[in-house]
C-alpha atoms as a PDB file:
ATOM      1  CA  MET A   1      40.428 -44.182  28.353  1.00  0.00           C
ATOM      2  CA  ALA A   2      36.867 -44.473  27.571  1.00  0.00           C
ATOM      3  CA  THR A   3      36.090 -46.801  25.586  1.00  0.00           C
ATOM      4  CA  ILE A   4      32.812 -47.453  23.168  1.00  0.00           C
ATOM      5  CA  TYR A   5      30.436 -49.177  26.173  1.00  0.00           C
ATOM      6  CA  ASP A   6      31.111 -45.861  28.137  1.00  0.00           C
ATOM      7  CA  VAL A   7      29.581 -44.407  25.012  1.00  0.00           C
ATOM      8  CA  SER A   8      26.516 -46.256  24.237  1.00  0.00           C
ATOM      9  CA  VAL A   9      25.548 -46.361  28.549  1.00  0.00           C
ATOM     10  CA  MET A  10      26.374 -41.941  28.009  1.00  0.00           C
ATOM     11  CA  ALA A  11      24.219 -42.144  24.866  1.00  0.00           C
ATOM     12  CA  GLY A  12      21.558 -44.188  26.006  1.00  0.00           C
ATOM     13  CA  VAL A  13      21.900 -46.523  22.475  1.00  0.00           C
ATOM     14  CA  SER A  14      23.513 -49.938  22.288  1.00  0.00           C
ATOM     15  CA  LEU A  15      26.703 -50.805  21.372  1.00  0.00           C
ATOM     16  CA  ALA A  16      25.616 -51.784  17.758  1.00  0.00           C
ATOM     17  CA  THR A  17      23.968 -48.405  17.348  1.00  0.00           C
ATOM     18  CA  VAL A  18      27.512 -46.117  18.746  1.00  0.00           C
ATOM     19  CA  SER A  19      29.786 -49.026  15.920  1.00  0.00           C
ATOM     20  CA  ARG A  20      26.537 -47.816  12.954  1.00  0.00           C
ATOM     21  CA  VAL A  21      27.767 -44.151  13.772  1.00  0.00           C
ATOM     22  CA  MET A  22      31.376 -44.870  13.758  1.00  0.00           C
ATOM     23  CA  ASN A  23      30.677 -46.501  10.773  1.00  0.00           C
ATOM     24  CA  ASN A  24      28.356 -43.410   9.061  1.00  0.00           C
ATOM     25  CA  ASN A  25      26.112 -46.020   8.034  1.00  0.00           C
ATOM     26  CA  ALA A  26      22.564 -43.932   6.982  1.00  0.00           C
ATOM     27  CA  LYS A  27      20.050 -46.805   9.249  1.00  0.00           C
ATOM     28  CA  VAL A  28      20.788 -44.519  12.064  1.00  0.00           C
ATOM     29  CA  SER A  29      18.967 -41.339  12.720  1.00  0.00           C
ATOM     30  CA  GLU A  30      20.276 -37.307  12.758  1.00  0.00           C
ATOM     31  CA  LYS A  31      19.151 -37.440  16.446  1.00  0.00           C
ATOM     32  CA  THR A  32      20.381 -40.988  17.570  1.00  0.00           C
ATOM     33  CA  LYS A  33      23.884 -39.874  15.745  1.00  0.00           C
ATOM     34  CA  GLN A  34      24.184 -36.675  17.803  1.00  0.00           C
ATOM     35  CA  LYS A  35      24.063 -38.625  20.964  1.00  0.00           C
ATOM     36  CA  VAL A  36      26.366 -40.492  20.011  1.00  0.00           C
ATOM     37  CA  LEU A  37      28.732 -38.386  18.931  1.00  0.00           C
ATOM     38  CA  ASP A  38      28.226 -35.572  21.642  1.00  0.00           C
ATOM     39  CA  ALA A  39      28.805 -38.846  24.293  1.00  0.00           C
ATOM     40  CA  MET A  40      32.219 -38.959  22.715  1.00  0.00           C
ATOM     41  CA  GLN A  41      32.724 -35.814  22.943  1.00  0.00           C
ATOM     42  CA  VAL A  42      31.994 -35.885  26.590  1.00  0.00           C
ATOM     43  CA  LEU A  43      34.064 -38.986  26.633  1.00  0.00           C
ATOM     44  CA  GLY A  44      36.708 -37.776  24.586  1.00  0.00           C
ATOM     45  CA  TYR A  45      36.610 -41.056  22.835  1.00  0.00           C
ATOM     46  CA  ARG A  46      38.316 -41.574  20.027  1.00  0.00           C
ATOM     47  CA  PRO A  47      37.999 -45.547  17.736  1.00  0.00           C
ATOM     48  CA  ASN A  48      40.522 -47.739  17.811  1.00  0.00           C
ATOM     49  CA  THR A  49      40.927 -47.889  13.747  1.00  0.00           C
ATOM     50  CA  ILE A  50      43.743 -51.020  14.465  1.00  0.00           C
ATOM     51  CA  ALA A  51      40.770 -53.076  16.527  1.00  0.00           C
ATOM     52  CA  GLN A  52      38.233 -52.226  14.368  1.00  0.00           C
ATOM     53  CA  SER A  53      40.145 -53.713  11.441  1.00  0.00           C
ATOM     54  CA  LEU A  54      40.977 -56.761  12.798  1.00  0.00           C
ATOM     55  CA  ALA A  55      37.380 -56.892  14.236  1.00  0.00           C
ATOM     56  CA  SER A  56      35.917 -56.495  10.759  1.00  0.00           C
ATOM     57  CA  ASN A  57      38.639 -58.072   8.641  1.00  0.00           C
ATOM     58  CA  CYS A  58      38.190 -54.273   7.114  1.00  0.00           C
ATOM     59  CA  SER A  59      40.526 -51.405   7.331  1.00  0.00           C
ATOM     60  CA  ASN A  60      38.535 -48.947   5.390  1.00  0.00           C
ATOM     61  CA  SER A  61      41.808 -47.878   3.921  1.00  0.00           C
ATOM     62  CA  ILE A  62      42.859 -48.371  -0.471  1.00  0.00           C
ATOM     63  CA  GLY A  63      46.557 -47.916  -0.825  1.00  0.00           C
ATOM     64  CA  VAL A  64      47.618 -45.941  -4.047  1.00  0.00           C
ATOM     65  CA  LEU A  65      50.750 -46.315  -6.271  1.00  0.00           C
ATOM     66  CA  VAL A  66      51.332 -43.258  -9.075  1.00  0.00           C
ATOM     67  CA  SER A  67      54.819 -42.779 -10.633  1.00  0.00           C
ATOM     68  CA  GLN A  68      55.761 -40.156  -9.520  1.00  0.00           C
ATOM     69  CA  LEU A  69      54.164 -37.307  -7.301  1.00  0.00           C
ATOM     70  CA  ASP A  70      55.098 -34.221  -8.853  1.00  0.00           C
ATOM     71  CA  GLY A  71      53.714 -32.276 -12.444  1.00  0.00           C
ATOM     72  CA  PRO A  72      50.237 -32.097 -13.097  1.00  0.00           C
ATOM     73  CA  PHE A  73      49.399 -35.175 -14.757  1.00  0.00           C
ATOM     74  CA  TYR A  74      48.796 -37.428 -11.556  1.00  0.00           C
ATOM     75  CA  GLY A  75      47.843 -34.429  -9.025  1.00  0.00           C
ATOM     76  CA  PRO A  76      44.353 -35.423 -11.242  1.00  0.00           C
ATOM     77  CA  MET A  77      44.336 -38.392 -10.708  1.00  0.00           C
ATOM     78  CA  MET A  78      44.559 -38.770  -6.997  1.00  0.00           C
ATOM     79  CA  THR A  79      41.977 -35.736  -6.705  1.00  0.00           C
ATOM     80  CA  GLU A  80      39.516 -38.496  -8.295  1.00  0.00           C
ATOM     81  CA  ILE A  81      40.263 -41.257  -6.296  1.00  0.00           C
ATOM     82  CA  GLU A  82      40.272 -39.988  -2.668  1.00  0.00           C
ATOM     83  CA  SER A  83      37.347 -37.140  -3.768  1.00  0.00           C
ATOM     84  CA  VAL A  84      35.304 -40.979  -4.838  1.00  0.00           C
ATOM     85  CA  LEU A  85      36.366 -43.062  -2.120  1.00  0.00           C
ATOM     86  CA  ARG A  86      36.386 -40.646   0.867  1.00  0.00           C
ATOM     87  CA  GLY A  87      32.529 -39.770  -0.238  1.00  0.00           C
ATOM     88  CA  ALA A  88      32.392 -43.535   0.450  1.00  0.00           C
ATOM     89  CA  ASN A  89      34.086 -42.747   3.686  1.00  0.00           C
ATOM     90  CA  LYS A  90      37.311 -44.671   2.971  1.00  0.00           C
ATOM     91  CA  HIS A  91      41.394 -42.861   2.746  1.00  0.00           C
ATOM     92  CA  VAL A  92      44.011 -43.599   0.797  1.00  0.00           C
ATOM     93  CA  ILE A  93      47.863 -44.115   1.185  1.00  0.00           C
ATOM     94  CA  ILE A  94      49.547 -42.951  -1.140  1.00  0.00           C
ATOM     95  CA  ALA A  95      53.651 -44.032  -1.789  1.00  0.00           C
ATOM     96  CA  ALA A  96      55.540 -43.498  -4.385  1.00  0.00           C
ATOM     97  CA  GLY A  97      56.904 -46.006  -7.597  1.00  0.00           C
ATOM     98  CA  HIS A  98      58.893 -43.665  -9.475  1.00  0.00           C
ATOM     99  CA  SER A  99      58.802 -45.816 -12.932  1.00  0.00           C
ATOM    100  CA  ASP A 100      61.838 -48.414 -10.800  1.00  0.00           C
ATOM    101  CA  GLU A 101      60.741 -52.168 -10.966  1.00  0.00           C
ATOM    102  CA  ALA A 102      62.341 -52.331  -6.920  1.00  0.00           C
ATOM    103  CA  GLN A 103      60.731 -48.617  -5.982  1.00  0.00           C
ATOM    104  CA  GLU A 104      57.406 -50.275  -7.260  1.00  0.00           C
ATOM    105  CA  LYS A 105      57.635 -54.029  -5.823  1.00  0.00           C
ATOM    106  CA  ASP A 106      58.942 -52.252  -2.666  1.00  0.00           C
ATOM    107  CA  SER A 107      55.481 -49.586  -2.601  1.00  0.00           C
ATOM    108  CA  VAL A 108      53.590 -52.279  -2.954  1.00  0.00           C
ATOM    109  CA  GLU A 109      55.191 -54.435  -0.413  1.00  0.00           C
ATOM    110  CA  PHE A 110      54.611 -51.011   2.028  1.00  0.00           C
ATOM    111  CA  LEU A 111      50.930 -50.547   1.000  1.00  0.00           C
ATOM    112  CA  MET A 112      49.739 -54.271   1.732  1.00  0.00           C
ATOM    113  CA  SER A 113      51.591 -54.264   4.932  1.00  0.00           C
ATOM    114  CA  ARG A 114      49.313 -51.383   5.872  1.00  0.00           C
ATOM    115  CA  GLY A 115      45.850 -53.878   5.820  1.00  0.00           C
ATOM    116  CA  CYS A 116      44.443 -51.762   2.819  1.00  0.00           C
ATOM    117  CA  ASP A 117      41.830 -53.235   1.603  1.00  0.00           C
ATOM    118  CA  ALA A 118      42.512 -52.672  -1.888  1.00  0.00           C
ATOM    119  CA  LEU A 119      45.334 -51.069  -4.004  1.00  0.00           C
ATOM    120  CA  ILE A 120      45.194 -48.860  -7.188  1.00  0.00           C
ATOM    121  CA  LEU A 121      47.923 -49.764  -8.341  1.00  0.00           C
ATOM    122  CA  ASP A 122      49.793 -46.839 -11.508  1.00  0.00           C
ATOM    123  CA  ILE A 123      52.396 -49.465 -12.353  1.00  0.00           C
ATOM    124  CA  GLU A 124      55.007 -49.508 -15.412  1.00  0.00           C
ATOM    125  CA  ALA A 125      58.317 -50.897 -15.016  1.00  0.00           C
ATOM    126  CA  VAL A 126      57.370 -54.529 -13.165  1.00  0.00           C
ATOM    127  CA  SER A 127      56.591 -57.218 -15.860  1.00  0.00           C
ATOM    128  CA  ASP A 128      52.406 -58.256 -16.893  1.00  0.00           C
ATOM    129  CA  GLU A 129      53.854 -61.921 -14.835  1.00  0.00           C
ATOM    130  CA  TYR A 130      54.393 -59.502 -11.458  1.00  0.00           C
ATOM    131  CA  LEU A 131      51.124 -58.460 -11.848  1.00  0.00           C
ATOM    132  CA  ILE A 132      49.122 -61.360 -12.444  1.00  0.00           C
ATOM    133  CA  GLU A 133      50.825 -62.998  -9.671  1.00  0.00           C
ATOM    134  CA  LEU A 134      50.149 -60.184  -7.910  1.00  0.00           C
ATOM    135  CA  SER A 135      46.077 -59.939  -9.134  1.00  0.00           C
ATOM    136  CA  LYS A 136      45.709 -63.859  -7.580  1.00  0.00           C
ATOM    137  CA  GLY A 137      46.398 -63.348  -4.178  1.00  0.00           C
ATOM    138  CA  ALA A 138      44.401 -62.566  -1.326  1.00  0.00           C
ATOM    139  CA  THR A 139      44.145 -58.609  -1.768  1.00  0.00           C
ATOM    140  CA  PRO A 140      42.311 -56.819  -4.632  1.00  0.00           C
ATOM    141  CA  VAL A 141      43.662 -55.398  -7.272  1.00  0.00           C
ATOM    142  CA  VAL A 142      42.829 -52.483  -9.662  1.00  0.00           C
ATOM    143  CA  PHE A 143      45.430 -50.889 -12.843  1.00  0.00           C
ATOM    144  CA  ILE A 144      45.659 -47.397 -14.105  1.00  0.00           C
ATOM    145  CA  ASN A 145      46.871 -46.928 -17.334  1.00  0.00           C
ATOM    146  CA  ARG A 146      47.695 -50.268 -17.409  1.00  0.00           C
ATOM    147  CA  TYR A 147      46.555 -53.096 -20.330  1.00  0.00           C
ATOM    148  CA  ILE A 148      47.141 -56.522 -19.224  1.00  0.00           C
ATOM    149  CA  ASP A 149      44.689 -59.642 -21.892  1.00  0.00           C
ATOM    150  CA  ALA A 150      44.800 -61.698 -18.389  1.00  0.00           C
ATOM    151  CA  ILE A 151      43.270 -59.119 -16.612  1.00  0.00           C
ATOM    152  CA  LYS A 152      41.702 -57.082 -18.115  1.00  0.00           C
ATOM    153  CA  ASP A 153      38.893 -56.958 -16.040  1.00  0.00           C
ATOM    154  CA  ARG A 154      40.870 -55.344 -13.698  1.00  0.00           C
ATOM    155  CA  CYS A 155      42.029 -52.801 -16.029  1.00  0.00           C
ATOM    156  CA  VAL A 156      41.318 -48.977 -16.299  1.00  0.00           C
ATOM    157  CA  TYR A 157      43.255 -47.430 -19.717  1.00  0.00           C
ATOM    158  CA  LEU A 158      43.550 -45.529 -22.728  1.00  0.00           C
ATOM    159  CA  GLU A 159      43.285 -46.758 -25.984  1.00  0.00           C
ATOM    160  CA  ASN A 160      46.890 -44.968 -26.797  1.00  0.00           C
ATOM    161  CA  GLU A 161      47.711 -46.409 -29.726  1.00  0.00           C
ATOM    162  CA  GLN A 162      44.304 -44.804 -31.013  1.00  0.00           C
ATOM    163  CA  GLY A 163      45.877 -41.553 -29.731  1.00  0.00           C
ATOM    164  CA  GLY A 164      49.024 -41.803 -31.469  1.00  0.00           C
ATOM    165  CA  PHE A 165      47.616 -42.708 -34.929  1.00  0.00           C
ATOM    166  CA  MET A 166      45.064 -39.704 -34.016  1.00  0.00           C
ATOM    167  CA  ALA A 167      48.261 -37.438 -33.546  1.00  0.00           C
ATOM    168  CA  THR A 168      50.384 -37.892 -36.472  1.00  0.00           C
ATOM    169  CA  ASP A 169      47.240 -38.441 -38.750  1.00  0.00           C
ATOM    170  CA  HIS A 170      46.138 -34.284 -38.154  1.00  0.00           C
ATOM    171  CA  ILE A 171      50.056 -33.478 -38.869  1.00  0.00           C
ATOM    172  CA  LEU A 172      49.860 -35.386 -42.254  1.00  0.00           C
ATOM    173  CA  SER A 173      46.380 -33.863 -43.239  1.00  0.00           C
ATOM    174  CA  LEU A 174      48.068 -30.489 -43.499  1.00  0.00           C
ATOM    175  CA  GLY A 175      50.872 -32.011 -45.443  1.00  0.00           C
ATOM    176  CA  HIS A 176      53.501 -31.800 -43.582  1.00  0.00           C
ATOM    177  CA  LYS A 177      55.842 -34.952 -44.347  1.00  0.00           C
ATOM    178  CA  ASP A 178      59.208 -33.978 -42.181  1.00  0.00           C
ATOM    179  CA  ILE A 179      57.788 -34.784 -38.865  1.00  0.00           C
ATOM    180  CA  ALA A 180      60.341 -35.253 -35.700  1.00  0.00           C
ATOM    181  CA  TYR A 181      58.962 -37.395 -33.037  1.00  0.00           C
ATOM    182  CA  ILE A 182      59.532 -37.301 -29.074  1.00  0.00           C
ATOM    183  CA  SER A 183      58.773 -39.907 -27.571  1.00  0.00           C
ATOM    184  CA  GLY A 184      58.776 -41.028 -23.514  1.00  0.00           C
ATOM    185  CA  PRO A 185      60.366 -44.058 -22.508  1.00  0.00           C
ATOM    186  CA  LEU A 186      60.279 -46.837 -24.198  1.00  0.00           C
ATOM    187  CA  PHE A 187      60.203 -48.957 -21.753  1.00  0.00           C
ATOM    188  CA  LYS A 188      56.675 -47.749 -20.687  1.00  0.00           C
ATOM    189  CA  LEU A 189      53.799 -49.854 -22.538  1.00  0.00           C
ATOM    190  CA  ASP A 190      52.252 -46.568 -23.390  1.00  0.00           C
ATOM    191  CA  VAL A 191      54.858 -45.083 -24.610  1.00  0.00           C
ATOM    192  CA  ARG A 192      55.178 -47.759 -27.283  1.00  0.00           C
ATOM    193  CA  ASP A 193      52.014 -48.287 -27.989  1.00  0.00           C
ATOM    194  CA  ARG A 194      51.782 -43.968 -29.285  1.00  0.00           C
ATOM    195  CA  LEU A 195      54.888 -44.701 -31.016  1.00  0.00           C
ATOM    196  CA  LYS A 196      52.972 -47.237 -32.562  1.00  0.00           C
ATOM    197  CA  GLY A 197      50.219 -45.486 -33.681  1.00  0.00           C
ATOM    198  CA  HIS A 198      52.364 -42.530 -35.146  1.00  0.00           C
ATOM    199  CA  LYS A 199      54.256 -45.256 -37.525  1.00  0.00           C
ATOM    200  CA  ARG A 200      50.573 -46.937 -38.535  1.00  0.00           C
ATOM    201  CA  ALA A 201      49.366 -43.025 -39.704  1.00  0.00           C
ATOM    202  CA  LEU A 202      53.091 -42.612 -41.492  1.00  0.00           C
ATOM    203  CA  LYS A 203      52.655 -45.576 -43.408  1.00  0.00           C
ATOM    204  CA  GLN A 204      48.363 -44.660 -44.041  1.00  0.00           C
ATOM    205  CA  TYR A 205      50.848 -41.705 -46.241  1.00  0.00           C
ATOM    206  CA  ASN A 206      53.007 -43.896 -47.191  1.00  0.00           C
ATOM    207  CA  ILE A 207      56.009 -41.709 -45.020  1.00  0.00           C
ATOM    208  CA  ASP A 208      58.885 -44.196 -44.210  1.00  0.00           C
ATOM    209  CA  PHE A 209      59.756 -43.182 -40.737  1.00  0.00           C
ATOM    210  CA  ASP A 210      63.386 -41.993 -40.003  1.00  0.00           C
ATOM    211  CA  THR A 211      64.932 -42.702 -36.687  1.00  0.00           C
ATOM    212  CA  THR A 212      67.467 -40.145 -36.970  1.00  0.00           C
ATOM    213  CA  LEU A 213      64.592 -37.542 -36.173  1.00  0.00           C
ATOM    214  CA  HIS A 214      63.552 -39.454 -33.276  1.00  0.00           C
ATOM    215  CA  ILE A 215      64.245 -38.636 -29.911  1.00  0.00           C
ATOM    216  CA  GLU A 216      63.842 -40.840 -26.771  1.00  0.00           C
ATOM    217  CA  SER A 217      63.094 -38.293 -23.850  1.00  0.00           C
ATOM    218  CA  ASN A 218      61.432 -38.230 -20.415  1.00  0.00           C
ATOM    219  CA  PHE A 219      58.223 -36.651 -19.804  1.00  0.00           C
ATOM    220  CA  LYS A 220      59.249 -33.632 -18.637  1.00  0.00           C
ATOM    221  CA  GLU A 221      59.871 -30.350 -19.643  1.00  0.00           C
ATOM    222  CA  ALA A 222      63.368 -30.083 -19.447  1.00  0.00           C
ATOM    223  CA  GLY A 223      63.568 -33.480 -21.333  1.00  0.00           C
ATOM    224  CA  GLY A 224      61.609 -32.290 -24.331  1.00  0.00           C
ATOM    225  CA  SER A 225      63.419 -28.840 -24.161  1.00  0.00           C
ATOM    226  CA  GLU A 226      67.014 -31.138 -24.134  1.00  0.00           C
ATOM    227  CA  ALA A 227      65.651 -32.801 -27.302  1.00  0.00           C
ATOM    228  CA  MET A 228      64.463 -29.935 -28.828  1.00  0.00           C
ATOM    229  CA  GLU A 229      68.083 -28.965 -29.289  1.00  0.00           C
ATOM    230  CA  GLN A 230      69.463 -32.627 -30.645  1.00  0.00           C
ATOM    231  CA  LEU A 231      67.078 -31.724 -33.905  1.00  0.00           C
ATOM    232  CA  LEU A 232      67.912 -28.312 -34.243  1.00  0.00           C
ATOM    233  CA  ALA A 233      71.556 -29.607 -34.342  1.00  0.00           C
ATOM    234  CA  MET A 234      71.464 -31.814 -37.383  1.00  0.00           C
ATOM    235  CA  ASN A 235      70.191 -28.674 -39.585  1.00  0.00           C
ATOM    236  CA  LYS A 236      67.263 -30.878 -41.079  1.00  0.00           C
ATOM    237  CA  THR A 237      64.511 -29.942 -42.655  1.00  0.00           C
ATOM    238  CA  ILE A 238      61.407 -30.270 -39.894  1.00  0.00           C
ATOM    239  CA  THR A 239      58.116 -28.702 -40.098  1.00  0.00           C
ATOM    240  CA  ALA A 240      56.758 -30.516 -37.402  1.00  0.00           C
ATOM    241  CA  VAL A 241      56.913 -32.562 -34.165  1.00  0.00           C
ATOM    242  CA  ILE A 242      54.525 -34.779 -32.088  1.00  0.00           C
ATOM    243  CA  CYS A 243      55.635 -34.719 -28.671  1.00  0.00           C
ATOM    244  CA  ALA A 244      54.245 -37.898 -26.673  1.00  0.00           C
ATOM    245  CA  ASN A 245      53.198 -35.142 -23.894  1.00  0.00           C
ATOM    246  CA  ASP A 246      52.455 -31.854 -23.138  1.00  0.00           C
ATOM    247  CA  GLN A 247      55.134 -31.302 -20.806  1.00  0.00           C
ATOM    248  CA  MET A 248      57.885 -31.636 -23.235  1.00  0.00           C
ATOM    249  CA  ALA A 249      56.030 -30.467 -26.238  1.00  0.00           C
ATOM    250  CA  SER A 250      56.578 -27.172 -23.990  1.00  0.00           C
ATOM    251  CA  GLY A 251      60.066 -26.757 -23.135  1.00  0.00           C
ATOM    252  CA  ALA A 252      60.225 -27.928 -26.707  1.00  0.00           C
ATOM    253  CA  ILE A 253      58.386 -25.202 -27.950  1.00  0.00           C
ATOM    254  CA  SER A 254      60.015 -22.681 -25.783  1.00  0.00           C
ATOM    255  CA  VAL A 255      63.792 -23.910 -27.589  1.00  0.00           C
ATOM    256  CA  CYS A 256      61.779 -23.039 -30.597  1.00  0.00           C
ATOM    257  CA  LEU A 257      61.261 -19.191 -29.852  1.00  0.00           C
ATOM    258  CA  GLU A 258      64.641 -19.073 -28.680  1.00  0.00           C
ATOM    259  CA  HIS A 259      66.215 -19.802 -31.732  1.00  0.00           C
ATOM    260  CA  GLY A 260      64.140 -17.544 -33.372  1.00  0.00           C
ATOM    261  CA  LEU A 261      61.135 -20.535 -34.813  1.00  0.00           C
ATOM    262  CA  ARG A 262      57.949 -18.837 -35.266  1.00  0.00           C
ATOM    263  CA  VAL A 263      55.087 -21.721 -33.790  1.00  0.00           C
ATOM    264  CA  PRO A 264      52.873 -22.905 -36.365  1.00  0.00           C
ATOM    265  CA  GLU A 265      54.112 -20.470 -39.190  1.00  0.00           C
ATOM    266  CA  ASP A 266      57.825 -22.530 -39.494  1.00  0.00           C
ATOM    267  CA  ILE A 267      57.114 -25.189 -37.029  1.00  0.00           C
ATOM    268  CA  SER A 268      54.314 -26.983 -36.090  1.00  0.00           C
ATOM    269  CA  PHE A 269      53.290 -28.824 -32.713  1.00  0.00           C
ATOM    270  CA  ILE A 270      51.074 -31.829 -31.286  1.00  0.00           C
ATOM    271  CA  GLY A 271      51.091 -33.103 -27.386  1.00  0.00           C
ATOM    272  CA  TYR A 272      49.916 -35.864 -26.066  1.00  0.00           C
ATOM    273  CA  ASP A 273      47.845 -35.605 -22.614  1.00  0.00           C
ATOM    274  CA  ASN A 274      45.475 -32.283 -22.554  1.00  0.00           C
ATOM    275  CA  ILE A 275      46.684 -30.755 -19.579  1.00  0.00           C
ATOM    276  CA  PRO A 276      45.355 -27.665 -18.237  1.00  0.00           C
ATOM    277  CA  PHE A 277      48.324 -24.533 -18.922  1.00  0.00           C
ATOM    278  CA  PRO A 278      49.393 -25.737 -22.470  1.00  0.00           C
ATOM    279  CA  GLN A 279      45.559 -24.490 -22.884  1.00  0.00           C
ATOM    280  CA  TYR A 280      46.210 -20.795 -21.923  1.00  0.00           C
ATOM    281  CA  ILE A 281      50.173 -20.154 -23.623  1.00  0.00           C
ATOM    282  CA  SER A 282      50.239 -19.136 -26.203  1.00  0.00           C
ATOM    283  CA  PRO A 283      50.209 -20.588 -28.894  1.00  0.00           C
ATOM    284  CA  LYS A 284      47.838 -22.859 -27.541  1.00  0.00           C
ATOM    285  CA  LEU A 285      48.622 -26.281 -27.439  1.00  0.00           C
ATOM    286  CA  SER A 286      47.036 -28.259 -30.123  1.00  0.00           C
ATOM    287  CA  THR A 287      46.972 -32.059 -28.205  1.00  0.00           C
ATOM    288  CA  VAL A 288      44.781 -35.479 -27.264  1.00  0.00           C
ATOM    289  CA  SER A 289      43.466 -36.233 -24.448  1.00  0.00           C
ATOM    290  CA  ASN A 290      44.136 -38.337 -21.974  1.00  0.00           C
ATOM    291  CA  PRO A 291      41.343 -38.585 -19.336  1.00  0.00           C
ATOM    292  CA  ILE A 292      43.770 -39.882 -16.609  1.00  0.00           C
ATOM    293  CA  HIS A 293      41.180 -38.030 -14.068  1.00  0.00           C
ATOM    294  CA  GLU A 294      38.508 -40.244 -15.475  1.00  0.00           C
ATOM    295  CA  MET A 295      40.667 -43.577 -14.931  1.00  0.00           C
ATOM    296  CA  GLY A 296      41.337 -41.972 -11.220  1.00  0.00           C
ATOM    297  CA  LYS A 297      37.697 -42.127 -10.665  1.00  0.00           C
ATOM    298  CA  MET A 298      36.890 -45.282 -12.475  1.00  0.00           C
ATOM    299  CA  ALA A 299      39.877 -46.942 -10.554  1.00  0.00           C
ATOM    300  CA  ALA A 300      37.931 -45.432  -7.628  1.00  0.00           C
ATOM    301  CA  ARG A 301      34.741 -46.773  -8.487  1.00  0.00           C
ATOM    302  CA  TRP A 302      35.820 -50.563  -9.325  1.00  0.00           C
ATOM    303  CA  VAL A 303      37.479 -50.490  -5.826  1.00  0.00           C
ATOM    304  CA  LEU A 304      33.618 -49.461  -4.376  1.00  0.00           C
ATOM    305  CA  GLN A 305      31.900 -52.072  -6.613  1.00  0.00           C
ATOM    306  CA  HIS A 306      34.168 -55.371  -6.330  1.00  0.00           C
ATOM    307  CA  VAL A 307      35.773 -54.813  -2.423  1.00  0.00           C
ATOM    308  CA  TYR A 308      33.115 -53.242  -0.721  1.00  0.00           C
ATOM    309  CA  ASN A 309      29.837 -54.205  -2.744  1.00  0.00           C
ATOM    310  CA  ASP A 310      28.812 -51.424  -3.984  1.00  0.00           C
ATOM    311  CA  THR A 311      26.291 -52.753  -7.113  1.00  0.00           C
ATOM    312  CA  GLU A 312      24.678 -49.384  -7.674  1.00  0.00           C
ATOM    313  CA  ILE A 313      27.934 -47.730  -9.356  1.00  0.00           C
ATOM    314  CA  VAL A 314      28.972 -47.917 -13.064  1.00  0.00           C
ATOM    315  CA  VAL A 315      32.205 -48.639 -13.700  1.00  0.00           C
ATOM    316  CA  GLU A 316      33.964 -47.982 -17.078  1.00  0.00           C
ATOM    317  CA  SER A 317      36.938 -49.589 -18.302  1.00  0.00           C
ATOM    318  CA  SER A 318      38.635 -48.283 -21.695  1.00  0.00           C
ATOM    319  CA  PHE A 319      38.836 -45.180 -22.990  1.00  0.00           C
ATOM    320  CA  SER A 320      39.425 -43.235 -26.090  1.00  0.00           C
ATOM    321  CA  PRO A 321      40.898 -40.187 -26.526  1.00  0.00           C
ATOM    322  CA  GLU A 322      40.141 -37.109 -29.049  1.00  0.00           C
ATOM    323  CA  LEU A 323      41.855 -34.294 -30.076  1.00  0.00           C
ATOM    324  CA  PHE A 324      41.990 -30.978 -29.486  1.00  0.00           C
ATOM    325  CA  ILE A 325      42.892 -28.882 -32.223  1.00  0.00           C
ATOM    326  CA  ARG A 326      44.150 -25.356 -30.872  1.00  0.00           C
ATOM    327  CA  THR A 327      46.851 -22.868 -32.586  1.00  0.00           C
ATOM    328  CA  SER A 328      50.124 -24.731 -32.306  1.00  0.00           C
ATOM    329  CA  THR A 329      49.646 -26.330 -35.717  1.00  0.00           C
ATOM    330  CA  LYS A 330      48.887 -25.392 -39.224  1.00  0.00           C
ATOM    331  CA  ALA A 331      48.740 -26.609 -42.601  1.00  0.00           C
ATOM    332  CA  ILE A 332      52.495 -25.968 -44.969  1.00  0.00           C
ATOM    333  CA  ASP A 333      51.672 -23.247 -47.668  1.00  0.00           C
END
């Protein structure tokens, strides 16, 4: 089996130069780099990444924990994380927590056991106290879509309360008063924050929050459909529905159309997240942005800055939502 020494002899360079080539160090000339790569190919040499990480105390791998692997929300986030880190010659190891405390903790332990240089966590079910303790460990950790004041310098987050307010304020500004609300699971912080913003907007317009018109759902299209069926079965007057994400809004709209209701002529809808596909259906969905892809990019940059000492990188931690008004909302006649 060929060794790094064999490569250095064949290429006619030092061991340090071979090491710099393997680490993609810019200080090596293209001519020298090619000599080393040619020697590696001829000898069939493959770097022992485990030995390298033990010697350098650096694995060049980052653990990424996400809530789920399916759906249109987390894909863009993972894409941005992988793209930024690959551009710096780093690699990701991905695990899913499925919004379950035990699975999230198990996934964190798994990623740490892989010798990751840092962890990027989109984590929902574990307590703030657990994450505060985790952040005190030897492995640097940054959190996406989670804000904890005690470790706010490690949090990349959206101002969800303001986003919830913006969605409801838009509906109220159109004259709607009979408003239903479909939320995600209330154990999630972002869900509670959006609902808090919804209630703040209602209060500003002197409208009471009708608990019977609040359905807790699951952030999925099917959940939105089921929630809308429940609302229609109440036989209450509803002129607008505010959904805590776009997927539930899409499912709820499909039910209304099946029941012969026109959107937005009979009932208005607004979602949350601004994922791509509701922009291309009819009616086009009004929504509030959730720039999860940008948050993923910033979390990856945080790692490059704090773990790999890239001081030229700029990292933004707080994101403000933006209202997108399309054709699914309409003023009361």
